[in-house]
Amino acid sequence: QVQLVESGGGLVQAGGSLRLSCAASGSIVSINAMGWYRQAPGKQRELVAAITSGGSTNYAGSVKGRFTISRDNAKNTVYLQMNSLKPEDTAVYYCNAEIYTIVVPYMNYWGKGTLVTVSS
């Protein structure tokens, strides 16, 4: 069984910073891509940033230059450093990972989400 646990969300003023973390645990053999998605009220879930096992990154245009995704493969953890936050960044942020376990080949897993609220 695999679990993804996010942390680091909260309330911040516009222009501020937050750092999200997501740790994967369980019977993990390897992790392929990891990423962060977000869902604002009344909107669809969207990709924020993703990172491959080799470190290649991809960002949504709306966060490019402000957010940085990174990962620690030894800790099975992915991070999202969010700077210059804007009220439109307010959303529930979800961690996603493609994980190979001893029981199931590569499968997508989701965390339960962490709320980020940016006040104006």
PDB file of N, CA and C in Angstrom:
ATOM      1  N   GLN A   1       0.848  -1.185   0.000  1.00  0.00           N
ATOM      2  CA  GLN A   1       0.000   0.000   0.000  1.00  0.00           C
ATOM      3  C   GLN A   1       0.888   1.241   0.000  1.00  0.00           C
ATOM      4  N   VAL A   2       0.499   2.228  -0.771  1.00  0.00           N
ATOM      5  CA  VAL A   2       1.277   3.460  -0.908  1.00  0.00           C
ATOM      6  C   VAL A   2       0.480   4.635  -0.368  1.00  0.00           C
ATOM      7  N   GLN A   3       1.171   5.511   0.315  1.00  0.00           N
ATOM      8  CA  GLN A   3       0.548   6.742   0.793  1.00  0.00           C
ATOM      9  C   GLN A   3       1.376   7.942   0.353  1.00  0.00           C
ATOM     10  N   LEU A   4       0.690   9.005  -0.040  1.00  0.00           N
ATOM     11  CA  LEU A   4       1.319  10.292  -0.312  1.00  0.00           C
ATOM     12  C   LEU A   4       0.762  11.269   0.703  1.00  0.00           C
ATOM     13  N   VAL A   5       1.639  11.902   1.456  1.00  0.00           N
ATOM     14  CA  VAL A   5       1.202  12.824   2.500  1.00  0.00           C
ATOM     15  C   VAL A   5       1.806  14.196   2.227  1.00  0.00           C
ATOM     16  N   GLU A   6       0.908  15.160   1.998  1.00  0.00           N
ATOM     17  CA  GLU A   6       1.347  16.537   1.738  1.00  0.00           C
ATOM     18  C   GLU A   6       1.405  17.331   3.043  1.00  0.00           C
ATOM     19  N   SER A   7       2.237  18.352   3.036  1.00  0.00           N
ATOM     20  CA  SER A   7       2.310  19.281   4.163  1.00  0.00           C
ATOM     21  C   SER A   7       2.802  20.627   3.644  1.00  0.00           C
ATOM     22  N   GLY A   8       2.598  21.660   4.452  1.00  0.00           N
ATOM     23  CA  GLY A   8       3.138  22.968   4.120  1.00  0.00           C
ATOM     24  C   GLY A   8       2.139  24.000   3.653  1.00  0.00           C
ATOM     25  N   GLY A   9       0.886  23.607   3.486  1.00  0.00           N
ATOM     26  CA  GLY A   9      -0.106  24.575   3.070  1.00  0.00           C
ATOM     27  C   GLY A   9      -0.443  25.541   4.201  1.00  0.00           C
ATOM     28  N   GLY A  10      -1.216  26.567   3.863  1.00  0.00           N
ATOM     29  CA  GLY A  10      -1.610  27.532   4.876  1.00  0.00           C
ATOM     30  C   GLY A  10      -2.074  28.827   4.266  1.00  0.00           C
ATOM     31  N   LEU A  11      -2.167  29.843   5.110  1.00  0.00           N
ATOM     32  CA  LEU A  11      -2.606  31.174   4.701  1.00  0.00           C
ATOM     33  C   LEU A  11      -1.396  32.084   4.592  1.00  0.00           C
ATOM     34  N   VAL A  12      -1.311  32.803   3.486  1.00  0.00           N
ATOM     35  CA  VAL A  12      -0.190  33.713   3.269  1.00  0.00           C
ATOM     36  C   VAL A  12      -0.699  34.942   2.532  1.00  0.00           C
ATOM     37  N   GLN A  13      -0.051  36.062   2.744  1.00  0.00           N
ATOM     38  CA  GLN A  13      -0.420  37.284   2.032  1.00  0.00           C
ATOM     39  C   GLN A  13       0.165  37.273   0.626  1.00  0.00           C
ATOM     40  N   ALA A  14      -0.485  37.992  -0.249  1.00  0.00           N
ATOM     41  CA  ALA A  14       0.021  38.113  -1.613  1.00  0.00           C
ATOM     42  C   ALA A  14       1.462  38.616  -1.589  1.00  0.00           C
ATOM     43  N   GLY A  15       2.278  38.000  -2.434  1.00  0.00           N
ATOM     44  CA  GLY A  15       3.695  38.321  -2.466  1.00  0.00           C
ATOM     45  C   GLY A  15       4.541  37.441  -1.583  1.00  0.00           C
ATOM     46  N   GLY A  16       3.902  36.677  -0.736  1.00  0.00           N
ATOM     47  CA  GLY A  16       4.617  35.803   0.186  1.00  0.00           C
ATOM     48  C   GLY A  16       5.018  34.475  -0.441  1.00  0.00           C
ATOM     49  N   SER A  17       5.569  33.603   0.400  1.00  0.00           N
ATOM     50  CA  SER A  17       6.076  32.315  -0.059  1.00  0.00           C
ATOM     51  C   SER A  17       5.582  31.186   0.827  1.00  0.00           C
ATOM     52  N   LEU A  18       5.477  30.023   0.226  1.00  0.00           N
ATOM     53  CA  LEU A  18       5.185  28.786   0.944  1.00  0.00           C
ATOM     54  C   LEU A  18       5.982  27.664   0.291  1.00  0.00           C
ATOM     55  N   ARG A  19       6.276  26.633   1.083  1.00  0.00           N
ATOM     56  CA  ARG A  19       6.936  25.452   0.545  1.00  0.00           C
ATOM     57  C   ARG A  19       6.105  24.232   0.881  1.00  0.00           C
ATOM     58  N   LEU A  20       5.660  23.545  -0.143  1.00  0.00           N
ATOM     59  CA  LEU A  20       4.898  22.318   0.039  1.00  0.00           C
ATOM     60  C   LEU A  20       5.832  21.116  -0.042  1.00  0.00           C
ATOM     61  N   SER A  21       5.506  20.099   0.745  1.00  0.00           N
ATOM     62  CA  SER A  21       6.253  18.840   0.703  1.00  0.00           C
ATOM     63  C   SER A  21       5.271  17.694   0.532  1.00  0.00           C
ATOM     64  N   CYS A  22       5.735  16.636  -0.102  1.00  0.00           N
ATOM     65  CA  CYS A  22       4.918  15.443  -0.269  1.00  0.00           C
ATOM     66  C   CYS A  22       5.827  14.230  -0.160  1.00  0.00           C
ATOM     67  N   ALA A  23       5.566  13.411   0.846  1.00  0.00           N
ATOM     68  CA  ALA A  23       6.387  12.228   1.073  1.00  0.00           C
ATOM     69  C   ALA A  23       5.596  10.980   0.717  1.00  0.00           C
ATOM     70  N   ALA A  24       6.215  10.121  -0.061  1.00  0.00           N
ATOM     71  CA  ALA A  24       5.605   8.851  -0.434  1.00  0.00           C
ATOM     72  C   ALA A  24       6.163   7.756   0.465  1.00  0.00           C
ATOM     73  N   SER A  25       5.267   6.869   0.892  1.00  0.00           N
ATOM     74  CA  SER A  25       5.696   5.753   1.742  1.00  0.00           C
ATOM     75  C   SER A  25       4.953   4.488   1.363  1.00  0.00           C
ATOM     76  N   GLY A  26       5.506   3.354   1.758  1.00  0.00           N
ATOM     77  CA  GLY A  26       4.890   2.075   1.448  1.00  0.00           C
ATOM     78  C   GLY A  26       5.877   1.147   0.773  1.00  0.00           C
ATOM     79  N   SER A  27       5.363   0.144   0.110  1.00  0.00           N
ATOM     80  CA  SER A  27       6.207  -0.859  -0.534  1.00  0.00           C
ATOM     81  C   SER A  27       6.664  -0.368  -1.909  1.00  0.00           C
ATOM     82  N   ILE A  28       7.479   0.659  -1.892  1.00  0.00           N
ATOM     83  CA  ILE A  28       7.889   1.342  -3.116  1.00  0.00           C
ATOM     84  C   ILE A  28       9.171   0.736  -3.670  1.00  0.00           C
ATOM     85  N   VAL A  29       9.135   0.409  -4.939  1.00  0.00           N
ATOM     86  CA  VAL A  29      10.342  -0.054  -5.621  1.00  0.00           C
ATOM     87  C   VAL A  29      11.021   1.129  -6.301  1.00  0.00           C
ATOM     88  N   SER A  30      10.234   1.896  -7.027  1.00  0.00           N
ATOM     89  CA  SER A  30      10.770   3.089  -7.675  1.00  0.00           C
ATOM     90  C   SER A  30       9.635   4.065  -7.965  1.00  0.00           C
ATOM     91  N   ILE A  31      10.025   5.316  -8.159  1.00  0.00           N
ATOM     92  CA  ILE A  31       9.058   6.366  -8.478  1.00  0.00           C
ATOM     93  C   ILE A  31       9.473   7.027  -9.769  1.00  0.00           C
ATOM     94  N   ASN A  32       8.534   7.125 -10.690  1.00  0.00           N
ATOM     95  CA  ASN A  32       8.823   7.768 -11.958  1.00  0.00           C
ATOM     96  C   ASN A  32       8.549   9.270 -11.809  1.00  0.00           C
ATOM     97  N   ALA A  33       7.593   9.787 -12.492  1.00  0.00           N
ATOM     98  CA  ALA A  33       7.306  11.217 -12.391  1.00  0.00           C
ATOM     99  C   ALA A  33       6.568  11.535 -11.094  1.00  0.00           C
ATOM    100  N   MET A  34       6.822  12.731 -10.578  1.00  0.00           N
ATOM    101  CA  MET A  34       6.091  13.258  -9.433  1.00  0.00           C
ATOM    102  C   MET A  34       5.624  14.657  -9.816  1.00  0.00           C
ATOM    103  N   GLY A  35       4.519  15.062  -9.228  1.00  0.00           N
ATOM    104  CA  GLY A  35       4.023  16.373  -9.614  1.00  0.00           C
ATOM    105  C   GLY A  35       3.048  16.965  -8.620  1.00  0.00           C
ATOM    106  N   TRP A  36       2.726  18.214  -8.871  1.00  0.00           N
ATOM    107  CA  TRP A  36       1.743  18.938  -8.073  1.00  0.00           C
ATOM    108  C   TRP A  36       0.629  19.421  -8.988  1.00  0.00           C
ATOM    109  N   TYR A  37      -0.595  19.210  -8.541  1.00  0.00           N
ATOM    110  CA  TYR A  37      -1.783  19.703  -9.208  1.00  0.00           C
ATOM    111  C   TYR A  37      -2.519  20.601  -8.220  1.00  0.00           C
ATOM    112  N   ARG A  38      -3.411  21.411  -8.751  1.00  0.00           N
ATOM    113  CA  ARG A  38      -4.238  22.228  -7.855  1.00  0.00           C
ATOM    114  C   ARG A  38      -5.656  22.331  -8.397  1.00  0.00           C
ATOM    115  N   GLN A  39      -6.560  22.554  -7.460  1.00  0.00           N
ATOM    116  CA  GLN A  39      -7.965  22.715  -7.830  1.00  0.00           C
ATOM    117  C   GLN A  39      -8.557  23.841  -7.024  1.00  0.00           C
ATOM    118  N   ALA A  40      -8.936  24.894  -7.721  1.00  0.00           N
ATOM    119  CA  ALA A  40      -9.585  26.030  -7.086  1.00  0.00           C
ATOM    120  C   ALA A  40     -11.095  25.789  -7.067  1.00  0.00           C
ATOM    121  N   PRO A  41     -11.811  26.459  -6.177  1.00  0.00           N
ATOM    122  CA  PRO A  41     -13.265  26.266  -6.103  1.00  0.00           C
ATOM    123  C   PRO A  41     -13.937  26.526  -7.445  1.00  0.00           C
ATOM    124  N   GLY A  42     -14.756  25.569  -7.879  1.00  0.00           N
ATOM    125  CA  GLY A  42     -15.484  25.736  -9.123  1.00  0.00           C
ATOM    126  C   GLY A  42     -14.669  25.504 -10.379  1.00  0.00           C
ATOM    127  N   LYS A  43     -13.423  25.081 -10.222  1.00  0.00           N
ATOM    128  CA  LYS A  43     -12.568  24.871 -11.388  1.00  0.00           C
ATOM    129  C   LYS A  43     -12.070  23.435 -11.444  1.00  0.00           C
ATOM    130  N   GLN A  44     -11.585  23.060 -12.616  1.00  0.00           N
ATOM    131  CA  GLN A  44     -11.036  21.720 -12.771  1.00  0.00           C
ATOM    132  C   GLN A  44      -9.622  21.644 -12.186  1.00  0.00           C
ATOM    133  N   ARG A  45      -9.240  20.439 -11.828  1.00  0.00           N
ATOM    134  CA  ARG A  45      -7.879  20.232 -11.347  1.00  0.00           C
ATOM    135  C   ARG A  45      -6.909  20.456 -12.512  1.00  0.00           C
ATOM    136  N   GLU A  46      -5.811  21.159 -12.210  1.00  0.00           N
ATOM    137  CA  GLU A  46      -4.843  21.468 -13.255  1.00  0.00           C
ATOM    138  C   GLU A  46      -3.431  21.150 -12.791  1.00  0.00           C
ATOM    139  N   LEU A  47      -2.578  20.834 -13.751  1.00  0.00           N
ATOM    140  CA  LEU A  47      -1.178  20.579 -13.452  1.00  0.00           C
ATOM    141  C   LEU A  47      -0.491  21.885 -13.111  1.00  0.00           C
ATOM    142  N   VAL A  48       0.274  21.880 -12.026  1.00  0.00           N
ATOM    143  CA  VAL A  48       1.070  23.035 -11.644  1.00  0.00           C
ATOM    144  C   VAL A  48       2.513  22.830 -12.080  1.00  0.00           C
ATOM    145  N   ALA A  49       3.079  21.688 -11.693  1.00  0.00           N
ATOM    146  CA  ALA A  49       4.472  21.398 -12.028  1.00  0.00           C
ATOM    147  C   ALA A  49       4.707  19.907 -11.904  1.00  0.00           C
ATOM    148  N   ALA A  50       5.658  19.407 -12.680  1.00  0.00           N
ATOM    149  CA  ALA A  50       5.995  17.991 -12.636  1.00  0.00           C
ATOM    150  C   ALA A  50       7.505  17.837 -12.782  1.00  0.00           C
ATOM    151  N   ILE A  51       8.006  16.719 -12.271  1.00  0.00           N
ATOM    152  CA  ILE A  51       9.437  16.449 -12.346  1.00  0.00           C
ATOM    153  C   ILE A  51       9.648  14.957 -12.549  1.00  0.00           C
ATOM    154  N   THR A  52      10.547  14.617 -13.465  1.00  0.00           N
ATOM    155  CA  THR A  52      10.827  13.214 -13.727  1.00  0.00           C
ATOM    156  C   THR A  52      11.859  12.693 -12.727  1.00  0.00           C
ATOM    157  N   SER A  53      12.090  11.396 -12.766  1.00  0.00           N
ATOM    158  CA  SER A  53      13.086  10.818 -11.873  1.00  0.00           C
ATOM    159  C   SER A  53      14.477  11.348 -12.184  1.00  0.00           C
ATOM    160  N   GLY A  54      14.669  11.786 -13.403  1.00  0.00           N
ATOM    161  CA  GLY A  54      15.961  12.332 -13.794  1.00  0.00           C
ATOM    162  C   GLY A  54      16.107  13.812 -13.536  1.00  0.00           C
ATOM    163  N   GLY A  55      15.037  14.452 -13.096  1.00  0.00           N
ATOM    164  CA  GLY A  55      15.120  15.864 -12.748  1.00  0.00           C
ATOM    165  C   GLY A  55      14.590  16.831 -13.787  1.00  0.00           C
ATOM    166  N   SER A  56      14.071  16.355 -14.900  1.00  0.00           N
ATOM    167  CA  SER A  56      13.477  17.261 -15.881  1.00  0.00           C
ATOM    168  C   SER A  56      12.158  17.794 -15.336  1.00  0.00           C
ATOM    169  N   THR A  57      11.936  19.087 -15.562  1.00  0.00           N
ATOM    170  CA  THR A  57      10.761  19.731 -14.989  1.00  0.00           C
ATOM    171  C   THR A  57       9.849  20.321 -16.050  1.00  0.00           C
ATOM    172  N   ASN A  58       8.602  20.510 -15.645  1.00  0.00           N
ATOM    173  CA  ASN A  58       7.601  21.097 -16.513  1.00  0.00           C
ATOM    174  C   ASN A  58       6.683  21.944 -15.643  1.00  0.00           C
ATOM    175  N   TYR A  59       6.345  23.157 -16.096  1.00  0.00           N
ATOM    176  CA  TYR A  59       5.524  24.069 -15.298  1.00  0.00           C
ATOM    177  C   TYR A  59       4.348  24.595 -16.101  1.00  0.00           C
ATOM    178  N   ALA A  60       3.270  24.871 -15.403  1.00  0.00           N
ATOM    179  CA  ALA A  60       2.168  25.600 -16.006  1.00  0.00           C
ATOM    180  C   ALA A  60       2.643  27.025 -16.273  1.00  0.00           C
ATOM    181  N   GLY A  61       2.138  27.595 -17.338  1.00  0.00           N
ATOM    182  CA  GLY A  61       2.574  28.939 -17.695  1.00  0.00           C
ATOM    183  C   GLY A  61       2.307  29.961 -16.599  1.00  0.00           C
ATOM    184  N   SER A  62       1.234  29.772 -15.862  1.00  0.00           N
ATOM    185  CA  SER A  62       0.836  30.746 -14.840  1.00  0.00           C
ATOM    186  C   SER A  62       1.773  30.778 -13.633  1.00  0.00           C
ATOM    187  N   VAL A  63       2.601  29.746 -13.469  1.00  0.00           N
ATOM    188  CA  VAL A  63       3.484  29.694 -12.295  1.00  0.00           C
ATOM    189  C   VAL A  63       4.957  29.743 -12.683  1.00  0.00           C
ATOM    190  N   LYS A  64       5.244  29.693 -13.974  1.00  0.00           N
ATOM    191  CA  LYS A  64       6.630  29.663 -14.417  1.00  0.00           C
ATOM    192  C   LYS A  64       7.353  30.919 -13.938  1.00  0.00           C
ATOM    193  N   GLY A  65       8.526  30.709 -13.357  1.00  0.00           N
ATOM    194  CA  GLY A  65       9.301  31.832 -12.830  1.00  0.00           C
ATOM    195  C   GLY A  65       8.992  32.154 -11.383  1.00  0.00           C
ATOM    196  N   ARG A  66       7.902  31.621 -10.859  1.00  0.00           N
ATOM    197  CA  ARG A  66       7.539  31.881  -9.452  1.00  0.00           C
ATOM    198  C   ARG A  66       7.624  30.611  -8.603  1.00  0.00           C
ATOM    199  N   PHE A  67       7.296  29.469  -9.182  1.00  0.00           N
ATOM    200  CA  PHE A  67       7.309  28.201  -8.458  1.00  0.00           C
ATOM    201  C   PHE A  67       8.489  27.354  -8.919  1.00  0.00           C
ATOM    202  N   THR A  68       9.010  26.554  -8.002  1.00  0.00           N
ATOM    203  CA  THR A  68      10.093  25.628  -8.326  1.00  0.00           C
ATOM    204  C   THR A  68       9.788  24.260  -7.738  1.00  0.00           C
ATOM    205  N   ILE A  69       9.797  23.242  -8.583  1.00  0.00           N
ATOM    206  CA  ILE A  69       9.585  21.882  -8.118  1.00  0.00           C
ATOM    207  C   ILE A  69      10.940  21.190  -8.005  1.00  0.00           C
ATOM    208  N   SER A  70      11.074  20.372  -6.968  1.00  0.00           N
ATOM    209  CA  SER A  70      12.299  19.600  -6.779  1.00  0.00           C
ATOM    210  C   SER A  70      11.946  18.295  -6.085  1.00  0.00           C
ATOM    211  N   ARG A  71      12.889  17.375  -6.043  1.00  0.00           N
ATOM    212  CA  ARG A  71      12.619  16.098  -5.386  1.00  0.00           C
ATOM    213  C   ARG A  71      13.884  15.553  -4.753  1.00  0.00           C
ATOM    214  N   ASP A  72      13.667  14.761  -3.728  1.00  0.00           N
ATOM    215  CA  ASP A  72      14.747  14.044  -3.060  1.00  0.00           C
ATOM    216  C   ASP A  72      14.436  12.570  -3.232  1.00  0.00           C
ATOM    217  N   ASN A  73      15.110  11.923  -4.175  1.00  0.00           N
ATOM    218  CA  ASN A  73      14.804  10.529  -4.483  1.00  0.00           C
ATOM    219  C   ASN A  73      15.102   9.602  -3.313  1.00  0.00           C
ATOM    220  N   ALA A  74      16.083   9.930  -2.522  1.00  0.00           N
ATOM    221  CA  ALA A  74      16.426   9.093  -1.370  1.00  0.00           C
ATOM    222  C   ALA A  74      15.315   9.102  -0.320  1.00  0.00           C
ATOM    223  N   LYS A  75      14.571  10.208  -0.280  1.00  0.00           N
ATOM    224  CA  LYS A  75      13.489  10.351   0.702  1.00  0.00           C
ATOM    225  C   LYS A  75      12.112  10.151   0.087  1.00  0.00           C
ATOM    226  N   ASN A  76      12.057   9.853  -1.208  1.00  0.00           N
ATOM    227  CA  ASN A  76      10.771   9.692  -1.911  1.00  0.00           C
ATOM    228  C   ASN A  76       9.875  10.908  -1.673  1.00  0.00           C
ATOM    229  N   THR A  77      10.460  12.075  -1.773  1.00  0.00           N
ATOM    230  CA  THR A  77       9.755  13.305  -1.444  1.00  0.00           C
ATOM    231  C   THR A  77       9.877  14.308  -2.583  1.00  0.00           C
ATOM    232  N   VAL A  78       8.783  15.001  -2.825  1.00  0.00           N
ATOM    233  CA  VAL A  78       8.772  16.071  -3.821  1.00  0.00           C
ATOM    234  C   VAL A  78       8.379  17.365  -3.115  1.00  0.00           C
ATOM    235  N   TYR A  79       8.963  18.459  -3.571  1.00  0.00           N
ATOM    236  CA  TYR A  79       8.725  19.762  -2.969  1.00  0.00           C
ATOM    237  C   TYR A  79       8.194  20.740  -4.017  1.00  0.00           C
ATOM    238  N   LEU A  80       7.490  21.755  -3.540  1.00  0.00           N
ATOM    239  CA  LEU A  80       7.075  22.844  -4.405  1.00  0.00           C
ATOM    240  C   LEU A  80       7.321  24.150  -3.656  1.00  0.00           C
ATOM    241  N   GLN A  81       8.328  24.875  -4.092  1.00  0.00           N
ATOM    242  CA  GLN A  81       8.615  26.185  -3.522  1.00  0.00           C
ATOM    243  C   GLN A  81       7.806  27.214  -4.293  1.00  0.00           C
ATOM    244  N   MET A  82       6.953  27.934  -3.576  1.00  0.00           N
ATOM    245  CA  MET A  82       6.058  28.886  -4.218  1.00  0.00           C
ATOM    246  C   MET A  82       6.404  30.286  -3.729  1.00  0.00           C
ATOM    247  N   ASN A  83       6.843  31.120  -4.634  1.00  0.00           N
ATOM    248  CA  ASN A  83       7.201  32.506  -4.319  1.00  0.00           C
ATOM    249  C   ASN A  83       6.276  33.460  -5.049  1.00  0.00           C
ATOM    250  N   SER A  84       6.276  34.700  -4.607  1.00  0.00           N
ATOM    251  CA  SER A  84       5.447  35.746  -5.238  1.00  0.00           C
ATOM    252  C   SER A  84       4.015  35.273  -5.418  1.00  0.00           C
ATOM    253  N   LEU A  85       3.466  34.729  -4.373  1.00  0.00           N
ATOM    254  CA  LEU A  85       2.119  34.156  -4.458  1.00  0.00           C
ATOM    255  C   LEU A  85       1.073  35.224  -4.747  1.00  0.00           C
ATOM    256  N   LYS A  86       0.073  34.815  -5.506  1.00  0.00           N
ATOM    257  CA  LYS A  86      -1.024  35.694  -5.899  1.00  0.00           C
ATOM    258  C   LYS A  86      -2.347  35.111  -5.391  1.00  0.00           C
ATOM    259  N   PRO A  87      -3.355  35.935  -5.210  1.00  0.00           N
ATOM    260  CA  PRO A  87      -4.657  35.402  -4.770  1.00  0.00           C
ATOM    261  C   PRO A  87      -5.180  34.307  -5.693  1.00  0.00           C
ATOM    262  N   GLU A  88      -4.870  34.388  -6.978  1.00  0.00           N
ATOM    263  CA  GLU A  88      -5.351  33.356  -7.910  1.00  0.00           C
ATOM    264  C   GLU A  88      -4.629  32.020  -7.754  1.00  0.00           C
ATOM    265  N   ASP A  89      -3.610  31.973  -6.903  1.00  0.00           N
ATOM    266  CA  ASP A  89      -2.955  30.702  -6.590  1.00  0.00           C
ATOM    267  C   ASP A  89      -3.713  29.935  -5.501  1.00  0.00           C
ATOM    268  N   THR A  90      -4.718  30.563  -4.927  1.00  0.00           N
ATOM    269  CA  THR A  90      -5.510  29.901  -3.889  1.00  0.00           C
ATOM    270  C   THR A  90      -6.183  28.653  -4.445  1.00  0.00           C
ATOM    271  N   ALA A  91      -5.945  27.531  -3.774  1.00  0.00           N
ATOM    272  CA  ALA A  91      -6.478  26.248  -4.245  1.00  0.00           C
ATOM    273  C   ALA A  91      -6.072  25.156  -3.259  1.00  0.00           C
ATOM    274  N   VAL A  92      -6.657  23.994  -3.462  1.00  0.00           N
ATOM    275  CA  VAL A  92      -6.151  22.797  -2.796  1.00  0.00           C
ATOM    276  C   VAL A  92      -5.081  22.204  -3.712  1.00  0.00           C
ATOM    277  N   TYR A  93      -3.912  21.979  -3.168  1.00  0.00           N
ATOM    278  CA  TYR A  93      -2.788  21.449  -3.929  1.00  0.00           C
ATOM    279  C   TYR A  93      -2.644  19.958  -3.633  1.00  0.00           C
ATOM    280  N   TYR A  94      -2.579  19.186  -4.715  1.00  0.00           N
ATOM    281  CA  TYR A  94      -2.495  17.730  -4.608  1.00  0.00           C
ATOM    282  C   TYR A  94      -1.160  17.232  -5.155  1.00  0.00           C
ATOM    283  N   CYS A  95      -0.609  16.286  -4.437  1.00  0.00           N
ATOM    284  CA  CYS A  95       0.608  15.611  -4.895  1.00  0.00           C
ATOM    285  C   CYS A  95       0.208  14.389  -5.724  1.00  0.00           C
ATOM    286  N   ASN A  96       0.981  14.130  -6.750  1.00  0.00           N
ATOM    287  CA  ASN A  96       0.748  12.970  -7.609  1.00  0.00           C
ATOM    288  C   ASN A  96       2.079  12.293  -7.894  1.00  0.00           C
ATOM    289  N   ALA A  97       2.065  10.974  -7.947  1.00  0.00           N
ATOM    290  CA  ALA A  97       3.304  10.250  -8.249  1.00  0.00           C
ATOM    291  C   ALA A  97       2.977   8.951  -8.973  1.00  0.00           C
ATOM    292  N   GLU A  98       3.853   8.611  -9.887  1.00  0.00           N
ATOM    293  CA  GLU A  98       3.747   7.345 -10.611  1.00  0.00           C
ATOM    294  C   GLU A  98       4.719   6.374  -9.948  1.00  0.00           C
ATOM    295  N   ILE A  99       4.175   5.381  -9.272  1.00  0.00           N
ATOM    296  CA  ILE A  99       4.981   4.563  -8.374  1.00  0.00           C
ATOM    297  C   ILE A  99       4.910   3.095  -8.760  1.00  0.00           C
ATOM    298  N   TYR A 100       6.067   2.449  -8.711  1.00  0.00           N
ATOM    299  CA  TYR A 100       6.177   1.006  -8.950  1.00  0.00           C
ATOM    300  C   TYR A 100       6.342   0.338  -7.593  1.00  0.00           C
ATOM    301  N   THR A 101       5.439  -0.576  -7.268  1.00  0.00           N
ATOM    302  CA  THR A 101       5.536  -1.284  -5.997  1.00  0.00           C
ATOM    303  C   THR A 101       5.870  -2.753  -6.251  1.00  0.00           C
ATOM    304  N   ILE A 102       6.070  -3.494  -5.195  1.00  0.00           N
ATOM    305  CA  ILE A 102       6.385  -4.917  -5.322  1.00  0.00           C
ATOM    306  C   ILE A 102       5.161  -5.715  -5.739  1.00  0.00           C
ATOM    307  N   VAL A 103       3.990  -5.093  -5.656  1.00  0.00           N
ATOM    308  CA  VAL A 103       2.743  -5.794  -5.991  1.00  0.00           C
ATOM    309  C   VAL A 103       2.156  -5.313  -7.316  1.00  0.00           C
ATOM    310  N   VAL A 104       2.223  -4.017  -7.550  1.00  0.00           N
ATOM    311  CA  VAL A 104       1.564  -3.422  -8.718  1.00  0.00           C
ATOM    312  C   VAL A 104       2.584  -2.665  -9.554  1.00  0.00           C
ATOM    313  N   PRO A 105       2.597  -2.867 -10.861  1.00  0.00           N
ATOM    314  CA  PRO A 105       3.488  -2.052 -11.700  1.00  0.00           C
ATOM    315  C   PRO A 105       3.044  -0.597 -11.672  1.00  0.00           C
ATOM    316  N   TYR A 106       3.750   0.245 -12.384  1.00  0.00           N
ATOM    317  CA  TYR A 106       3.534   1.685 -12.296  1.00  0.00           C
ATOM    318  C   TYR A 106       2.055   2.062 -12.277  1.00  0.00           C
ATOM    319  N   MET A 107       1.709   2.841 -11.260  1.00  0.00           N
ATOM    320  CA  MET A 107       0.339   3.273 -11.057  1.00  0.00           C
ATOM    321  C   MET A 107       0.368   4.680 -10.476  1.00  0.00           C
ATOM    322  N   ASN A 108      -0.616   5.475 -10.826  1.00  0.00           N
ATOM    323  CA  ASN A 108      -0.702   6.849 -10.309  1.00  0.00           C
ATOM    324  C   ASN A 108      -1.341   6.870  -8.925  1.00  0.00           C
ATOM    325  N   TYR A 109      -0.727   7.606  -8.025  1.00  0.00           N
ATOM    326  CA  TYR A 109      -1.254   7.779  -6.680  1.00  0.00           C
ATOM    327  C   TYR A 109      -1.420   9.265  -6.402  1.00  0.00           C
ATOM    328  N   TRP A 110      -2.419   9.561  -5.565  1.00  0.00           N
ATOM    329  CA  TRP A 110      -2.725  10.942  -5.204  1.00  0.00           C
ATOM    330  C   TRP A 110      -2.689  11.117  -3.692  1.00  0.00           C
ATOM    331  N   GLY A 111      -2.235  12.292  -3.271  1.00  0.00           N
ATOM    332  CA  GLY A 111      -2.376  12.667  -1.878  1.00  0.00           C
ATOM    333  C   GLY A 111      -3.759  13.235  -1.634  1.00  0.00           C
ATOM    334  N   LYS A 112      -4.048  13.542  -0.374  1.00  0.00           N
ATOM    335  CA  LYS A 112      -5.374  14.048  -0.012  1.00  0.00           C
ATOM    336  C   LYS A 112      -5.498  15.543  -0.212  1.00  0.00           C
ATOM    337  N   GLY A 113      -4.385  16.215  -0.423  1.00  0.00           N
ATOM    338  CA  GLY A 113      -4.409  17.641  -0.711  1.00  0.00           C
ATOM    339  C   GLY A 113      -4.100  18.502   0.501  1.00  0.00           C
ATOM    340  N   THR A 114      -3.559  19.671   0.217  1.00  0.00           N
ATOM    341  CA  THR A 114      -3.289  20.659   1.247  1.00  0.00           C
ATOM    342  C   THR A 114      -3.755  22.021   0.737  1.00  0.00           C
ATOM    343  N   LEU A 115      -4.437  22.759   1.581  1.00  0.00           N
ATOM    344  CA  LEU A 115      -5.046  24.018   1.164  1.00  0.00           C
ATOM    345  C   LEU A 115      -4.043  25.166   1.245  1.00  0.00           C
ATOM    346  N   VAL A 116      -3.961  25.908   0.161  1.00  0.00           N
ATOM    347  CA  VAL A 116      -3.154  27.133   0.102  1.00  0.00           C
ATOM    348  C   VAL A 116      -4.113  28.293  -0.131  1.00  0.00           C
ATOM    349  N   THR A 117      -4.075  29.256   0.768  1.00  0.00           N
ATOM    350  CA  THR A 117      -4.931  30.437   0.651  1.00  0.00           C
ATOM    351  C   THR A 117      -4.057  31.678   0.609  1.00  0.00           C
ATOM    352  N   VAL A 118      -4.216  32.463  -0.444  1.00  0.00           N
ATOM    353  CA  VAL A 118      -3.424  33.685  -0.607  1.00  0.00           C
ATOM    354  C   VAL A 118      -4.365  34.873  -0.490  1.00  0.00           C
ATOM    355  N   SER A 119      -4.136  35.704   0.511  1.00  0.00           N
ATOM    356  CA  SER A 119      -4.998  36.862   0.722  1.00  0.00           C
ATOM    357  C   SER A 119      -4.423  38.083   0.007  1.00  0.00           C
ATOM    358  N   SER A 120      -5.331  38.954  -0.422  1.00  0.00           N
ATOM    359  CA  SER A 120      -4.893  40.157  -1.162  1.00  0.00           C
ATOM    360  C   SER A 120      -4.638  41.321  -0.232  1.00  0.00           C
TER     361      SER A 120
END
